[in-house]
Amino acid sequence: MNMRRGETKSIAELVRAMCREEGLETPLNEYRLIKAWSQVLGSAVQTYTKNLQIHNQVLFVTLTSSVLRQELLMNRKSLVRKLNDHVKAQVITDIVFR
């Protein structure tokens, strides 16, 4: 991280730059996105959510309700957008419901 004298940056910008340089930005954003699942979809959906994992920009979600699985499957693209927007980063490109 090179900074010239007189160049001011916020602490958030410096932390983001450091995470990017150390290769921590992607895992941190993935963690934030998984944590955002219950905030974006609510506690009712969280009750039926068994497992969340991200591999190669795909969120894998294990659900205990087939009815909910079908409903979320129909809104998959919208959910991808909402989750990425929530963490302010392009973390996932798709969701697979199991």
PDB file of N, CA and C in Angstrom:
ATOM      1  N   MET A   1       0.831  -1.173   0.000  1.00  0.00           N
ATOM      2  CA  MET A   1       0.000   0.000   0.000  1.00  0.00           C
ATOM      3  C   MET A   1       0.880   1.243   0.000  1.00  0.00           C
ATOM      4  N   ASN A   2       0.992   1.865  -1.099  1.00  0.00           N
ATOM      5  CA  ASN A   2       1.763   3.106  -1.195  1.00  0.00           C
ATOM      6  C   ASN A   2       0.844   4.285  -1.008  1.00  0.00           C
ATOM      7  N   MET A   3       1.226   5.164  -0.122  1.00  0.00           N
ATOM      8  CA  MET A   3       0.485   6.401   0.079  1.00  0.00           C
ATOM      9  C   MET A   3       1.466   7.549   0.047  1.00  0.00           C
ATOM     10  N   ARG A   4       1.140   8.548  -0.711  1.00  0.00           N
ATOM     11  CA  ARG A   4       1.987   9.738  -0.751  1.00  0.00           C
ATOM     12  C   ARG A   4       1.612  10.682   0.378  1.00  0.00           C
ATOM     13  N   ARG A   5       2.552  11.457   0.764  1.00  0.00           N
ATOM     14  CA  ARG A   5       2.332  12.439   1.819  1.00  0.00           C
ATOM     15  C   ARG A   5       1.214  13.404   1.394  1.00  0.00           C
ATOM     16  N   GLY A   6       0.327  13.684   2.311  1.00  0.00           N
ATOM     17  CA  GLY A   6      -0.778  14.592   2.016  1.00  0.00           C
ATOM     18  C   GLY A   6      -1.986  13.905   1.414  1.00  0.00           C
ATOM     19  N   GLU A   7      -1.849  12.638   1.081  1.00  0.00           N
ATOM     20  CA  GLU A   7      -2.955  11.871   0.511  1.00  0.00           C
ATOM     21  C   GLU A   7      -3.746  11.264   1.670  1.00  0.00           C
ATOM     22  N   THR A   8      -4.991  11.621   1.787  1.00  0.00           N
ATOM     23  CA  THR A   8      -5.781  11.113   2.897  1.00  0.00           C
ATOM     24  C   THR A   8      -6.746  10.038   2.406  1.00  0.00           C
ATOM     25  N   LYS A   9      -6.874   9.022   3.213  1.00  0.00           N
ATOM     26  CA  LYS A   9      -7.811   7.935   2.919  1.00  0.00           C
ATOM     27  C   LYS A   9      -8.517   7.574   4.213  1.00  0.00           C
ATOM     28  N   SER A  10      -9.734   7.088   4.087  1.00  0.00           N
ATOM     29  CA  SER A  10     -10.465   6.664   5.280  1.00  0.00           C
ATOM     30  C   SER A  10      -9.903   5.330   5.762  1.00  0.00           C
ATOM     31  N   ILE A  11     -10.149   5.034   6.994  1.00  0.00           N
ATOM     32  CA  ILE A  11      -9.690   3.762   7.564  1.00  0.00           C
ATOM     33  C   ILE A  11     -10.321   2.599   6.808  1.00  0.00           C
ATOM     34  N   ALA A  12     -11.591   2.735   6.434  1.00  0.00           N
ATOM     35  CA  ALA A  12     -12.281   1.676   5.687  1.00  0.00           C
ATOM     36  C   ALA A  12     -11.577   1.406   4.357  1.00  0.00           C
ATOM     37  N   GLU A  13     -11.154   2.469   3.664  1.00  0.00           N
ATOM     38  CA  GLU A  13     -10.446   2.299   2.394  1.00  0.00           C
ATOM     39  C   GLU A  13      -9.114   1.587   2.601  1.00  0.00           C
ATOM     40  N   LEU A  14      -8.418   1.961   3.661  1.00  0.00           N
ATOM     41  CA  LEU A  14      -7.127   1.331   3.957  1.00  0.00           C
ATOM     42  C   LEU A  14      -7.283  -0.149   4.305  1.00  0.00           C
ATOM     43  N   VAL A  15      -8.303  -0.469   5.097  1.00  0.00           N
ATOM     44  CA  VAL A  15      -8.550  -1.870   5.462  1.00  0.00           C
ATOM     45  C   VAL A  15      -8.914  -2.680   4.222  1.00  0.00           C
ATOM     46  N   ARG A  16      -9.778  -2.123   3.363  1.00  0.00           N
ATOM     47  CA  ARG A  16     -10.152  -2.824   2.127  1.00  0.00           C
ATOM     48  C   ARG A  16      -8.935  -3.070   1.247  1.00  0.00           C
ATOM     49  N   ALA A  17      -8.082  -2.061   1.112  1.00  0.00           N
ATOM     50  CA  ALA A  17      -6.871  -2.198   0.289  1.00  0.00           C
ATOM     51  C   ALA A  17      -5.946  -3.263   0.874  1.00  0.00           C
ATOM     52  N   MET A  18      -5.791  -3.267   2.188  1.00  0.00           N
ATOM     53  CA  MET A  18      -4.937  -4.257   2.832  1.00  0.00           C
ATOM     54  C   MET A  18      -5.496  -5.676   2.640  1.00  0.00           C
ATOM     55  N   CYS A  19      -6.810  -5.826   2.809  1.00  0.00           N
ATOM     56  CA  CYS A  19      -7.447  -7.141   2.617  1.00  0.00           C
ATOM     57  C   CYS A  19      -7.263  -7.615   1.176  1.00  0.00           C
ATOM     58  N   ARG A  20      -7.405  -6.700   0.227  1.00  0.00           N
ATOM     59  CA  ARG A  20      -7.232  -7.041  -1.185  1.00  0.00           C
ATOM     60  C   ARG A  20      -5.809  -7.514  -1.440  1.00  0.00           C
ATOM     61  N   GLU A  21      -4.837  -6.797  -0.903  1.00  0.00           N
ATOM     62  CA  GLU A  21      -3.429  -7.154  -1.096  1.00  0.00           C
ATOM     63  C   GLU A  21      -3.087  -8.498  -0.453  1.00  0.00           C
ATOM     64  N   GLU A  22      -3.706  -8.796   0.671  1.00  0.00           N
ATOM     65  CA  GLU A  22      -3.409 -10.039   1.393  1.00  0.00           C
ATOM     66  C   GLU A  22      -4.269 -11.211   0.924  1.00  0.00           C
ATOM     67  N   GLY A  23      -5.159 -10.975  -0.042  1.00  0.00           N
ATOM     68  CA  GLY A  23      -6.006 -12.049  -0.556  1.00  0.00           C
ATOM     69  C   GLY A  23      -7.141 -12.419   0.387  1.00  0.00           C
ATOM     70  N   LEU A  24      -7.542 -11.489   1.246  1.00  0.00           N
ATOM     71  CA  LEU A  24      -8.593 -11.765   2.220  1.00  0.00           C
ATOM     72  C   LEU A  24      -9.942 -11.181   1.829  1.00  0.00           C
ATOM     73  N   GLU A  25      -9.973 -10.391   0.787  1.00  0.00           N
ATOM     74  CA  GLU A  25     -11.216  -9.712   0.417  1.00  0.00           C
ATOM     75  C   GLU A  25     -12.326 -10.696   0.045  1.00  0.00           C
ATOM     76  N   THR A  26     -12.025 -11.680  -0.789  1.00  0.00           N
ATOM     77  CA  THR A  26     -13.047 -12.638  -1.227  1.00  0.00           C
ATOM     78  C   THR A  26     -13.588 -13.472  -0.063  1.00  0.00           C
ATOM     79  N   PRO A  27     -12.731 -14.098   0.764  1.00  0.00           N
ATOM     80  CA  PRO A  27     -13.279 -14.869   1.891  1.00  0.00           C
ATOM     81  C   PRO A  27     -14.087 -14.005   2.863  1.00  0.00           C
ATOM     82  N   LEU A  28     -13.664 -12.776   3.068  1.00  0.00           N
ATOM     83  CA  LEU A  28     -14.386 -11.880   3.960  1.00  0.00           C
ATOM     84  C   LEU A  28     -15.758 -11.550   3.387  1.00  0.00           C
ATOM     85  N   ASN A  29     -15.832 -11.257   2.096  1.00  0.00           N
ATOM     86  CA  ASN A  29     -17.122 -10.977   1.457  1.00  0.00           C
ATOM     87  C   ASN A  29     -18.025 -12.204   1.456  1.00  0.00           C
ATOM     88  N   GLU A  30     -17.454 -13.396   1.268  1.00  0.00           N
ATOM     89  CA  GLU A  30     -18.256 -14.623   1.320  1.00  0.00           C
ATOM     90  C   GLU A  30     -18.850 -14.813   2.715  1.00  0.00           C
ATOM     91  N   TYR A  31     -18.048 -14.577   3.731  1.00  0.00           N
ATOM     92  CA  TYR A  31     -18.517 -14.684   5.112  1.00  0.00           C
ATOM     93  C   TYR A  31     -19.653 -13.687   5.354  1.00  0.00           C
ATOM     94  N   ARG A  32     -19.467 -12.456   4.897  1.00  0.00           N
ATOM     95  CA  ARG A  32     -20.490 -11.422   5.079  1.00  0.00           C
ATOM     96  C   ARG A  32     -21.791 -11.787   4.355  1.00  0.00           C
ATOM     97  N   LEU A  33     -21.675 -12.377   3.168  1.00  0.00           N
ATOM     98  CA  LEU A  33     -22.863 -12.753   2.410  1.00  0.00           C
ATOM     99  C   LEU A  33     -23.625 -13.877   3.117  1.00  0.00           C
ATOM    100  N   ILE A  34     -22.912 -14.863   3.632  1.00  0.00           N
ATOM    101  CA  ILE A  34     -23.573 -15.957   4.355  1.00  0.00           C
ATOM    102  C   ILE A  34     -24.278 -15.416   5.595  1.00  0.00           C
ATOM    103  N   LYS A  35     -23.635 -14.485   6.298  1.00  0.00           N
ATOM    104  CA  LYS A  35     -24.261 -13.867   7.469  1.00  0.00           C
ATOM    105  C   LYS A  35     -25.482 -13.035   7.069  1.00  0.00           C
ATOM    106  N   ALA A  36     -25.486 -12.495   5.862  1.00  0.00           N
ATOM    107  CA  ALA A  36     -26.586 -11.650   5.401  1.00  0.00           C
ATOM    108  C   ALA A  36     -27.829 -12.452   5.029  1.00  0.00           C
ATOM    109  N   TRP A  37     -27.688 -13.764   4.845  1.00  0.00           N
ATOM    110  CA  TRP A  37     -28.808 -14.616   4.421  1.00  0.00           C
ATOM    111  C   TRP A  37     -30.045 -14.388   5.294  1.00  0.00           C
ATOM    112  N   SER A  38     -29.904 -14.489   6.601  1.00  0.00           N
ATOM    113  CA  SER A  38     -31.071 -14.344   7.481  1.00  0.00           C
ATOM    114  C   SER A  38     -31.564 -12.900   7.522  1.00  0.00           C
ATOM    115  N   GLN A  39     -30.680 -11.924   7.340  1.00  0.00           N
ATOM    116  CA  GLN A  39     -31.102 -10.525   7.338  1.00  0.00           C
ATOM    117  C   GLN A  39     -31.908 -10.202   6.085  1.00  0.00           C
ATOM    118  N   VAL A  40     -31.479 -10.724   4.954  1.00  0.00           N
ATOM    119  CA  VAL A  40     -32.149 -10.439   3.679  1.00  0.00           C
ATOM    120  C   VAL A  40     -33.443 -11.240   3.551  1.00  0.00           C
ATOM    121  N   LEU A  41     -33.424 -12.505   3.958  1.00  0.00           N
ATOM    122  CA  LEU A  41     -34.600 -13.360   3.774  1.00  0.00           C
ATOM    123  C   LEU A  41     -35.489 -13.481   5.007  1.00  0.00           C
ATOM    124  N   GLY A  42     -34.994 -13.092   6.161  1.00  0.00           N
ATOM    125  CA  GLY A  42     -35.809 -13.115   7.373  1.00  0.00           C
ATOM    126  C   GLY A  42     -35.662 -14.391   8.187  1.00  0.00           C
ATOM    127  N   SER A  43     -36.137 -14.319   9.407  1.00  0.00           N
ATOM    128  CA  SER A  43     -35.978 -15.441  10.343  1.00  0.00           C
ATOM    129  C   SER A  43     -36.826 -16.655   9.966  1.00  0.00           C
ATOM    130  N   ALA A  44     -37.958 -16.437   9.279  1.00  0.00           N
ATOM    131  CA  ALA A  44     -38.804 -17.566   8.877  1.00  0.00           C
ATOM    132  C   ALA A  44     -38.057 -18.482   7.910  1.00  0.00           C
ATOM    133  N   VAL A  45     -37.364 -17.895   6.935  1.00  0.00           N
ATOM    134  CA  VAL A  45     -36.591 -18.688   5.978  1.00  0.00           C
ATOM    135  C   VAL A  45     -35.388 -19.313   6.677  1.00  0.00           C
ATOM    136  N   GLN A  46     -34.782 -18.563   7.602  1.00  0.00           N
ATOM    137  CA  GLN A  46     -33.620 -19.066   8.339  1.00  0.00           C
ATOM    138  C   GLN A  46     -33.955 -20.357   9.097  1.00  0.00           C
ATOM    139  N   THR A  47     -35.205 -20.474   9.577  1.00  0.00           N
ATOM    140  CA  THR A  47     -35.610 -21.675  10.313  1.00  0.00           C
ATOM    141  C   THR A  47     -35.533 -22.921   9.446  1.00  0.00           C
ATOM    142  N   TYR A  48     -35.759 -22.771   8.157  1.00  0.00           N
ATOM    143  CA  TYR A  48     -35.727 -23.906   7.229  1.00  0.00           C
ATOM    144  C   TYR A  48     -34.378 -24.068   6.528  1.00  0.00           C
ATOM    145  N   THR A  49     -33.442 -23.191   6.848  1.00  0.00           N
ATOM    146  CA  THR A  49     -32.113 -23.246   6.229  1.00  0.00           C
ATOM    147  C   THR A  49     -31.201 -24.112   7.080  1.00  0.00           C
ATOM    148  N   LYS A  50     -30.636 -25.128   6.452  1.00  0.00           N
ATOM    149  CA  LYS A  50     -29.793 -26.068   7.185  1.00  0.00           C
ATOM    150  C   LYS A  50     -28.304 -25.779   6.995  1.00  0.00           C
ATOM    151  N   ASN A  51     -27.905 -25.382   5.795  1.00  0.00           N
ATOM    152  CA  ASN A  51     -26.487 -25.199   5.508  1.00  0.00           C
ATOM    153  C   ASN A  51     -26.312 -24.202   4.360  1.00  0.00           C
ATOM    154  N   LEU A  52     -25.287 -23.360   4.471  1.00  0.00           N
ATOM    155  CA  LEU A  52     -24.936 -22.400   3.424  1.00  0.00           C
ATOM    156  C   LEU A  52     -23.445 -22.515   3.144  1.00  0.00           C
ATOM    157  N   GLN A  53     -23.092 -22.636   1.864  1.00  0.00           N
ATOM    158  CA  GLN A  53     -21.685 -22.692   1.462  1.00  0.00           C
ATOM    159  C   GLN A  53     -21.524 -21.988   0.132  1.00  0.00           C
ATOM    160  N   ILE A  54     -20.350 -21.385  -0.069  1.00  0.00           N
ATOM    161  CA  ILE A  54     -20.055 -20.738  -1.348  1.00  0.00           C
ATOM    162  C   ILE A  54     -18.842 -21.422  -1.957  1.00  0.00           C
ATOM    163  N   HIS A  55     -19.005 -21.853  -3.223  1.00  0.00           N
ATOM    164  CA  HIS A  55     -17.917 -22.443  -4.004  1.00  0.00           C
ATOM    165  C   HIS A  55     -17.962 -21.839  -5.403  1.00  0.00           C
ATOM    166  N   ASN A  56     -16.852 -21.279  -5.846  1.00  0.00           N
ATOM    167  CA  ASN A  56     -16.754 -20.704  -7.194  1.00  0.00           C
ATOM    168  C   ASN A  56     -17.895 -19.744  -7.511  1.00  0.00           C
ATOM    169  N   GLN A  57     -18.169 -18.842  -6.599  1.00  0.00           N
ATOM    170  CA  GLN A  57     -19.200 -17.809  -6.739  1.00  0.00           C
ATOM    171  C   GLN A  57     -20.619 -18.360  -6.825  1.00  0.00           C
ATOM    172  N   VAL A  58     -20.832 -19.574  -6.362  1.00  0.00           N
ATOM    173  CA  VAL A  58     -22.173 -20.159  -6.320  1.00  0.00           C
ATOM    174  C   VAL A  58     -22.513 -20.441  -4.857  1.00  0.00           C
ATOM    175  N   LEU A  59     -23.663 -19.930  -4.417  1.00  0.00           N
ATOM    176  CA  LEU A  59     -24.139 -20.167  -3.066  1.00  0.00           C
ATOM    177  C   LEU A  59     -24.964 -21.448  -3.075  1.00  0.00           C
ATOM    178  N   PHE A  60     -24.557 -22.415  -2.267  1.00  0.00           N
ATOM    179  CA  PHE A  60     -25.290 -23.672  -2.118  1.00  0.00           C
ATOM    180  C   PHE A  60     -26.075 -23.599  -0.817  1.00  0.00           C
ATOM    181  N   VAL A  61     -27.401 -23.775  -0.920  1.00  0.00           N
ATOM    182  CA  VAL A  61     -28.281 -23.641   0.234  1.00  0.00           C
ATOM    183  C   VAL A  61     -29.042 -24.950   0.425  1.00  0.00           C
ATOM    184  N   THR A  62     -28.923 -25.535   1.616  1.00  0.00           N
ATOM    185  CA  THR A  62     -29.682 -26.732   1.943  1.00  0.00           C
ATOM    186  C   THR A  62     -30.901 -26.304   2.749  1.00  0.00           C
ATOM    187  N   LEU A  63     -32.074 -26.657   2.258  1.00  0.00           N
ATOM    188  CA  LEU A  63     -33.332 -26.282   2.908  1.00  0.00           C
ATOM    189  C   LEU A  63     -34.090 -27.534   3.353  1.00  0.00           C
ATOM    190  N   THR A  64     -34.846 -27.401   4.430  1.00  0.00           N
ATOM    191  CA  THR A  64     -35.625 -28.534   4.930  1.00  0.00           C
ATOM    192  C   THR A  64     -37.068 -28.512   4.439  1.00  0.00           C
ATOM    193  N   SER A  65     -37.437 -27.518   3.657  1.00  0.00           N
ATOM    194  CA  SER A  65     -38.800 -27.411   3.133  1.00  0.00           C
ATOM    195  C   SER A  65     -38.775 -27.399   1.605  1.00  0.00           C
ATOM    196  N   SER A  66     -39.415 -28.376   1.006  1.00  0.00           N
ATOM    197  CA  SER A  66     -39.455 -28.443  -0.454  1.00  0.00           C
ATOM    198  C   SER A  66     -40.312 -27.313  -1.041  1.00  0.00           C
ATOM    199  N   VAL A  67     -41.337 -26.896  -0.324  1.00  0.00           N
ATOM    200  CA  VAL A  67     -42.199 -25.801  -0.787  1.00  0.00           C
ATOM    201  C   VAL A  67     -41.394 -24.501  -0.829  1.00  0.00           C
ATOM    202  N   LEU A  68     -40.645 -24.233   0.233  1.00  0.00           N
ATOM    203  CA  LEU A  68     -39.803 -23.044   0.282  1.00  0.00           C
ATOM    204  C   LEU A  68     -38.715 -23.108  -0.782  1.00  0.00           C
ATOM    205  N   ARG A  69     -38.145 -24.287  -0.969  1.00  0.00           N
ATOM    206  CA  ARG A  69     -37.105 -24.477  -1.991  1.00  0.00           C
ATOM    207  C   ARG A  69     -37.642 -24.066  -3.366  1.00  0.00           C
ATOM    208  N   GLN A  70     -38.832 -24.507  -3.679  1.00  0.00           N
ATOM    209  CA  GLN A  70     -39.438 -24.187  -4.978  1.00  0.00           C
ATOM    210  C   GLN A  70     -39.705 -22.690  -5.120  1.00  0.00           C
ATOM    211  N   GLU A  71     -40.190 -22.078  -4.052  1.00  0.00           N
ATOM    212  CA  GLU A  71     -40.483 -20.648  -4.086  1.00  0.00           C
ATOM    213  C   GLU A  71     -39.202 -19.824  -4.267  1.00  0.00           C
ATOM    214  N   LEU A  72     -38.151 -20.187  -3.525  1.00  0.00           N
ATOM    215  CA  LEU A  72     -36.890 -19.462  -3.643  1.00  0.00           C
ATOM    216  C   LEU A  72     -36.240 -19.696  -5.005  1.00  0.00           C
ATOM    217  N   LEU A  73     -36.417 -20.881  -5.545  1.00  0.00           N
ATOM    218  CA  LEU A  73     -35.864 -21.196  -6.858  1.00  0.00           C
ATOM    219  C   LEU A  73     -36.440 -20.267  -7.930  1.00  0.00           C
ATOM    220  N   MET A  74     -37.725 -19.967  -7.818  1.00  0.00           N
ATOM    221  CA  MET A  74     -38.368 -19.077  -8.785  1.00  0.00           C
ATOM    222  C   MET A  74     -37.850 -17.642  -8.676  1.00  0.00           C
ATOM    223  N   ASN A  75     -37.343 -17.265  -7.507  1.00  0.00           N
ATOM    224  CA  ASN A  75     -36.853 -15.899  -7.285  1.00  0.00           C
ATOM    225  C   ASN A  75     -35.326 -15.844  -7.176  1.00  0.00           C
ATOM    226  N   ARG A  76     -34.664 -16.830  -7.710  1.00  0.00           N
ATOM    227  CA  ARG A  76     -33.217 -16.991  -7.564  1.00  0.00           C
ATOM    228  C   ARG A  76     -32.420 -15.768  -8.039  1.00  0.00           C
ATOM    229  N   LYS A  77     -32.697 -15.267  -9.205  1.00  0.00           N
ATOM    230  CA  LYS A  77     -31.935 -14.131  -9.756  1.00  0.00           C
ATOM    231  C   LYS A  77     -32.088 -12.886  -8.880  1.00  0.00           C
ATOM    232  N   SER A  78     -33.291 -12.661  -8.416  1.00  0.00           N
ATOM    233  CA  SER A  78     -33.549 -11.521  -7.537  1.00  0.00           C
ATOM    234  C   SER A  78     -32.794 -11.679  -6.210  1.00  0.00           C
ATOM    235  N   LEU A  79     -32.754 -12.891  -5.685  1.00  0.00           N
ATOM    236  CA  LEU A  79     -32.031 -13.156  -4.437  1.00  0.00           C
ATOM    237  C   LEU A  79     -30.535 -12.928  -4.596  1.00  0.00           C
ATOM    238  N   VAL A  80     -29.970 -13.341  -5.716  1.00  0.00           N
ATOM    239  CA  VAL A  80     -28.547 -13.129  -5.985  1.00  0.00           C
ATOM    240  C   VAL A  80     -28.259 -11.629  -5.940  1.00  0.00           C
ATOM    241  N   ARG A  81     -29.089 -10.855  -6.602  1.00  0.00           N
ATOM    242  CA  ARG A  81     -28.908  -9.402  -6.649  1.00  0.00           C
ATOM    243  C   ARG A  81     -29.038  -8.783  -5.248  1.00  0.00           C
ATOM    244  N   LYS A  82     -30.070  -9.198  -4.498  1.00  0.00           N
ATOM    245  CA  LYS A  82     -30.291  -8.639  -3.159  1.00  0.00           C
ATOM    246  C   LYS A  82     -29.141  -8.972  -2.208  1.00  0.00           C
ATOM    247  N   LEU A  83     -28.654 -10.201  -2.253  1.00  0.00           N
ATOM    248  CA  LEU A  83     -27.552 -10.596  -1.367  1.00  0.00           C
ATOM    249  C   LEU A  83     -26.267  -9.851  -1.714  1.00  0.00           C
ATOM    250  N   ASN A  84     -25.952  -9.757  -3.000  1.00  0.00           N
ATOM    251  CA  ASN A  84     -24.761  -9.013  -3.422  1.00  0.00           C
ATOM    252  C   ASN A  84     -24.885  -7.533  -3.050  1.00  0.00           C
ATOM    253  N   ASP A  85     -26.062  -6.964  -3.257  1.00  0.00           N
ATOM    254  CA  ASP A  85     -26.284  -5.558  -2.909  1.00  0.00           C
ATOM    255  C   ASP A  85     -26.097  -5.331  -1.408  1.00  0.00           C
ATOM    256  N   HIS A  86     -26.543  -6.291  -0.616  1.00  0.00           N
ATOM    257  CA  HIS A  86     -26.449  -6.168   0.839  1.00  0.00           C
ATOM    258  C   HIS A  86     -25.001  -6.085   1.310  1.00  0.00           C
ATOM    259  N   VAL A  87     -24.116  -6.851   0.681  1.00  0.00           N
ATOM    260  CA  VAL A  87     -22.700  -6.820   1.079  1.00  0.00           C
ATOM    261  C   VAL A  87     -21.882  -5.851   0.218  1.00  0.00           C
ATOM    262  N   LYS A  88     -22.551  -5.192  -0.733  1.00  0.00           N
ATOM    263  CA  LYS A  88     -21.914  -4.199  -1.604  1.00  0.00           C
ATOM    264  C   LYS A  88     -20.716  -4.760  -2.371  1.00  0.00           C
ATOM    265  N   ALA A  89     -20.880  -5.991  -2.861  1.00  0.00           N
ATOM    266  CA  ALA A  89     -19.822  -6.636  -3.651  1.00  0.00           C
ATOM    267  C   ALA A  89     -20.445  -7.743  -4.491  1.00  0.00           C
ATOM    268  N   GLN A  90     -19.822  -8.047  -5.625  1.00  0.00           N
ATOM    269  CA  GLN A  90     -20.259  -9.153  -6.485  1.00  0.00           C
ATOM    270  C   GLN A  90     -19.626 -10.427  -5.943  1.00  0.00           C
ATOM    271  N   VAL A  91     -20.318 -11.093  -5.021  1.00  0.00           N
ATOM    272  CA  VAL A  91     -19.771 -12.277  -4.352  1.00  0.00           C
ATOM    273  C   VAL A  91     -20.253 -13.558  -5.026  1.00  0.00           C
ATOM    274  N   ILE A  92     -21.545 -13.593  -5.367  1.00  0.00           N
ATOM    275  CA  ILE A  92     -22.102 -14.799  -5.994  1.00  0.00           C
ATOM    276  C   ILE A  92     -22.735 -14.457  -7.328  1.00  0.00           C
ATOM    277  N   THR A  93     -22.768 -15.469  -8.216  1.00  0.00           N
ATOM    278  CA  THR A  93     -23.415 -15.298  -9.515  1.00  0.00           C
ATOM    279  C   THR A  93     -24.654 -16.179  -9.649  1.00  0.00           C
ATOM    280  N   ASP A  94     -24.799 -17.141  -8.727  1.00  0.00           N
ATOM    281  CA  ASP A  94     -25.930 -18.064  -8.789  1.00  0.00           C
ATOM    282  C   ASP A  94     -26.167 -18.688  -7.419  1.00  0.00           C
ATOM    283  N   ILE A  95     -27.348 -19.297  -7.269  1.00  0.00           N
ATOM    284  CA  ILE A  95     -27.715 -20.015  -6.041  1.00  0.00           C
ATOM    285  C   ILE A  95     -28.237 -21.381  -6.437  1.00  0.00           C
ATOM    286  N   VAL A  96     -27.782 -22.412  -5.741  1.00  0.00           N
ATOM    287  CA  VAL A  96     -28.283 -23.777  -5.938  1.00  0.00           C
ATOM    288  C   VAL A  96     -28.971 -24.192  -4.653  1.00  0.00           C
ATOM    289  N   PHE A  97     -30.243 -24.571  -4.771  1.00  0.00           N
ATOM    290  CA  PHE A  97     -31.018 -25.012  -3.616  1.00  0.00           C
ATOM    291  C   PHE A  97     -31.059 -26.525  -3.585  1.00  0.00           C
ATOM    292  N   ARG A  98     -30.776 -27.063  -2.422  1.00  0.00           N
ATOM    293  CA  ARG A  98     -30.780 -28.525  -2.246  1.00  0.00           C
ATOM    294  C   ARG A  98     -31.870 -28.919  -1.277  1.00  0.00           C
TER     295      ARG A  98
END
